[in-house]
Amino acid sequence: MELLTFILISIGIIVVPGPNVLVIVSTSIYHGKLRGLQTVAGTSVAMAIQLLIAAVGTAWFVAALTEGFFWLKWVGVAYLVYLGITHLIAASNSSQKQITAIGSFQRGFWVSLTNPKTILFFSAFLPQFTVPSEPYFSQIILLSAIFWVLAIVLDSSYALLSSKLRVLLRNKEISKIQNRTSGVLYLGAGATLAATKHGQ
């Protein structure tokens, strides 16, 4: 029952659009399914690092690490604002700038990794579903793995579903809408990340 509750809550947390989801959706709409999935690969690797830190680190270590890298959040915000403005400019110029597989991966990786709130969230959320009578570390590893797999599946679903919109966006006029949509999504992701507060 505890595990089922954990899975249901995790699904609810993952499907709520945050910076990761907004970047995945925007990349998929503008660059297509493959690039969207490569972005998911980037967010997933970053999340694995964050889960590992939350799993093996003490409360003091996690807090200290998050405090030390909190400035990274603003690097992430600046990066997302840059992407948003770039797409809005492209919309006015009717231009299409493609990105590489590595570019897609890095986009997802850095946006996910520059959200220090995630490590604090994992370190507070996962222990709530452990059983005192069972080995703590093995439980945390299992819960982390479940959350990570759920995130990959659901984020990939976002990428696949949003890439369907790309099929509808063929001519230049609709391409402008495509650019504007991506630009707004990136700016929205930047605003979401900027609004996160330390310790919440």
Protein backbone atom coordinates (compact mmCIF):
# COMPACT_ATOMS: atom_id res chain seq x y z
CA MET A 1 0.00 0.00 0.00
CA GLU A 2 2.87 2.38 0.85
CA LEU A 3 4.51 1.64 -2.48
CA LEU A 4 1.28 2.20 -4.41
CA THR A 5 0.77 5.51 -2.61
CA PHE A 6 4.33 6.50 -3.47
CA ILE A 7 3.78 5.65 -7.15
CA LEU A 8 0.52 7.60 -7.36
CA ILE A 9 1.98 10.68 -5.66
CA SER A 10 5.10 10.47 -7.82
CA ILE A 11 2.99 10.37 -10.99
CA GLY A 12 1.09 13.43 -9.79
CA ILE A 13 4.33 15.30 -9.10
CA ILE A 14 5.92 14.38 -12.43
CA VAL A 15 2.97 15.26 -14.68
CA VAL A 16 2.62 18.78 -13.26
CA PRO A 17 4.46 20.99 -15.78
CA GLY A 18 7.70 22.39 -14.40
CA PRO A 19 10.86 23.61 -16.15
CA ASN A 20 11.74 20.09 -17.35
CA VAL A 21 8.35 19.39 -18.90
CA LEU A 22 8.12 22.83 -20.52
CA VAL A 23 11.55 22.42 -22.13
CA ILE A 24 10.71 18.91 -23.34
CA VAL A 25 7.39 20.05 -24.83
CA SER A 26 8.93 23.10 -26.50
CA THR A 27 11.82 21.11 -27.99
CA SER A 28 9.43 18.43 -29.27
CA ILE A 29 7.08 20.96 -30.88
CA TYR A 30 9.86 22.88 -32.56
CA HIS A 31 12.46 20.21 -33.35
CA GLY A 32 10.46 16.99 -33.42
CA LYS A 33 10.09 13.71 -31.57
CA LEU A 34 13.73 12.57 -31.70
CA ARG A 35 15.11 15.82 -30.31
CA GLY A 36 12.40 15.82 -27.64
CA LEU A 37 13.40 12.33 -26.51
CA GLN A 38 17.05 13.37 -26.48
CA THR A 39 16.06 16.23 -24.19
CA VAL A 40 14.33 13.67 -21.95
CA ALA A 41 17.61 11.74 -21.87
CA GLY A 42 19.34 14.90 -20.62
CA THR A 43 16.78 15.61 -17.89
CA SER A 44 16.87 11.94 -16.85
CA VAL A 45 20.65 11.85 -16.42
CA ALA A 46 20.53 15.05 -14.37
CA MET A 47 17.71 13.61 -12.27
CA ALA A 48 19.70 10.42 -11.66
CA ILE A 49 22.56 12.54 -10.28
CA GLN A 50 20.15 14.47 -8.05
CA LEU A 51 18.51 11.27 -6.78
CA LEU A 52 21.91 9.76 -6.03
CA ILE A 53 22.96 12.83 -4.04
CA ALA A 54 19.68 12.78 -2.12
CA ALA A 55 19.99 9.03 -1.48
CA VAL A 56 23.57 8.85 -0.21
CA GLY A 57 24.01 12.31 1.29
CA THR A 58 23.27 13.23 4.86
CA ALA A 59 20.79 16.03 5.54
CA TRP A 60 23.69 18.38 6.29
CA PHE A 61 25.56 17.42 3.11
CA VAL A 62 22.48 17.83 0.91
CA ALA A 63 21.65 21.22 2.43
CA ALA A 64 25.24 22.44 2.12
CA LEU A 65 25.55 21.24 -1.47
CA THR A 66 22.25 22.79 -2.49
CA GLU A 67 23.15 26.08 -0.81
CA GLY A 68 26.52 26.11 -2.53
CA PHE A 69 25.07 25.53 -5.98
CA PHE A 70 21.94 27.65 -5.55
CA TRP A 71 23.39 30.27 -7.89
CA LEU A 72 23.08 27.67 -10.65
CA LYS A 73 19.35 28.29 -10.61
CA TRP A 74 19.94 31.73 -12.07
CA VAL A 75 22.21 30.29 -14.72
CA GLY A 76 19.30 28.03 -15.65
CA VAL A 77 16.88 30.96 -15.66
CA ALA A 78 19.20 33.00 -17.91
CA TYR A 79 19.60 30.03 -20.27
CA LEU A 80 15.83 29.52 -20.57
CA VAL A 81 15.23 33.23 -21.16
CA TYR A 82 17.91 33.15 -23.85
CA LEU A 83 16.19 30.20 -25.56
CA GLY A 84 12.82 31.93 -25.32
CA ILE A 85 14.07 35.19 -26.85
CA THR A 86 15.93 33.29 -29.57
CA HIS A 87 12.73 31.53 -30.64
CA LEU A 88 10.67 34.74 -30.54
CA ILE A 89 13.26 36.46 -32.77
CA ALA A 90 13.20 33.46 -35.10
CA ALA A 91 9.42 33.83 -35.34
CA SER A 92 9.75 37.40 -36.59
CA ASN A 93 12.43 36.35 -39.10
CA SER A 94 10.61 33.19 -40.23
CA SER A 95 13.84 31.29 -39.64
CA GLN A 96 14.34 27.76 -38.36
CA LYS A 97 17.47 26.95 -36.41
CA GLN A 98 18.00 23.25 -35.87
CA ILE A 99 19.88 21.75 -32.94
CA THR A 100 22.02 18.63 -32.73
CA ALA A 101 21.45 15.51 -30.65
CA ILE A 102 24.11 16.70 -28.20
CA GLY A 103 22.46 20.11 -28.08
CA SER A 104 19.10 18.55 -27.24
CA PHE A 105 20.66 16.40 -24.52
CA GLN A 106 22.57 19.32 -23.00
CA ARG A 107 19.46 21.49 -23.06
CA GLY A 108 17.57 18.97 -20.94
CA PHE A 109 20.54 18.16 -18.71
CA TRP A 110 21.42 21.72 -17.73
CA VAL A 111 17.84 22.88 -17.27
CA SER A 112 17.21 19.95 -14.91
CA LEU A 113 20.53 20.16 -13.07
CA THR A 114 20.28 23.91 -12.46
CA ASN A 115 17.22 23.44 -10.27
CA PRO A 116 18.76 22.86 -6.79
CA LYS A 117 15.28 22.60 -5.26
CA THR A 118 15.05 19.10 -6.73
CA ILE A 119 17.75 17.65 -4.49
CA LEU A 120 16.10 19.08 -1.38
CA PHE A 121 12.73 17.78 -2.54
CA PHE A 122 14.03 14.24 -3.06
CA SER A 123 15.84 14.22 0.29
CA ALA A 124 12.58 15.21 2.05
CA PHE A 125 10.10 13.23 -0.07
CA LEU A 126 11.68 9.78 -0.41
CA PRO A 127 12.29 9.01 3.30
CA GLN A 128 8.58 9.44 4.05
CA PHE A 129 7.91 6.14 2.29
CA THR A 130 10.53 4.02 4.03
CA VAL A 131 9.69 1.38 6.64
CA PRO A 132 11.80 1.57 9.86
CA SER A 133 12.01 -2.23 10.11
CA GLU A 134 13.65 -2.55 6.67
CA PRO A 135 17.15 -1.49 5.53
CA TYR A 136 16.96 2.24 4.86
CA PHE A 137 19.47 2.58 2.04
CA SER A 138 18.03 -0.25 -0.09
CA GLN A 139 14.56 1.26 0.26
CA ILE A 140 15.78 4.70 -0.82
CA ILE A 141 17.54 3.20 -3.84
CA LEU A 142 14.37 1.32 -4.82
CA LEU A 143 12.15 4.40 -4.42
CA SER A 144 14.64 6.51 -6.38
CA ALA A 145 14.70 3.96 -9.19
CA ILE A 146 10.90 3.83 -9.34
CA PHE A 147 10.61 7.62 -9.42
CA TRP A 148 13.29 7.85 -12.10
CA VAL A 149 11.63 5.25 -14.35
CA LEU A 150 8.24 6.94 -13.94
CA ALA A 151 9.81 10.29 -14.85
CA ILE A 152 11.40 8.84 -17.99
CA VAL A 153 8.12 7.23 -19.11
CA LEU A 154 5.95 10.28 -18.42
CA ASP A 155 8.44 12.81 -19.79
CA SER A 156 8.82 10.68 -22.93
CA SER A 157 5.03 10.67 -23.26
CA TYR A 158 5.08 14.47 -23.15
CA ALA A 159 7.72 14.48 -25.88
CA LEU A 160 5.81 12.05 -28.11
CA LEU A 161 2.42 13.74 -27.67
CA SER A 162 3.69 17.29 -28.18
CA SER A 163 5.71 16.24 -31.25
CA LYS A 164 2.38 15.38 -32.90
CA LEU A 165 1.71 19.11 -33.11
CA ARG A 166 4.79 19.48 -35.30
CA VAL A 167 3.06 17.52 -38.06
CA LEU A 168 0.41 20.24 -38.22
CA LEU A 169 2.97 23.02 -38.47
CA ARG A 170 4.18 22.93 -42.05
CA ASN A 171 3.97 26.29 -43.77
CA LYS A 172 5.81 29.50 -42.91
CA GLU A 173 2.90 31.19 -41.20
CA ILE A 174 2.33 28.27 -38.88
CA SER A 175 6.07 28.01 -38.42
CA LYS A 176 5.91 31.49 -36.89
CA ILE A 177 3.30 30.22 -34.44
CA GLN A 178 5.57 27.27 -33.72
CA ASN A 179 8.46 29.60 -32.89
CA ARG A 180 6.29 31.85 -30.75
CA THR A 181 4.87 28.88 -28.87
CA SER A 182 8.34 27.51 -28.17
CA GLY A 183 9.56 30.95 -27.12
CA VAL A 184 6.69 31.43 -24.68
CA LEU A 185 7.20 27.92 -23.25
CA TYR A 186 10.91 28.57 -22.65
CA LEU A 187 10.17 31.91 -20.99
CA GLY A 188 7.49 30.18 -18.90
CA ALA A 189 10.00 27.55 -17.84
CA GLY A 190 12.44 30.29 -16.89
CA ALA A 191 9.78 32.07 -14.84
CA THR A 192 8.85 28.80 -13.12
CA LEU A 193 12.46 28.13 -12.20
CA ALA A 194 12.99 31.71 -11.03
CA ALA A 195 9.91 31.48 -8.80
CA THR A 196 11.23 28.46 -6.89
CA LYS A 197 12.47 29.35 -3.44
CA HIS A 198 15.22 27.71 -1.44
CA GLY A 199 13.91 25.21 1.03
CA GLN A 200 10.42 24.96 -0.46
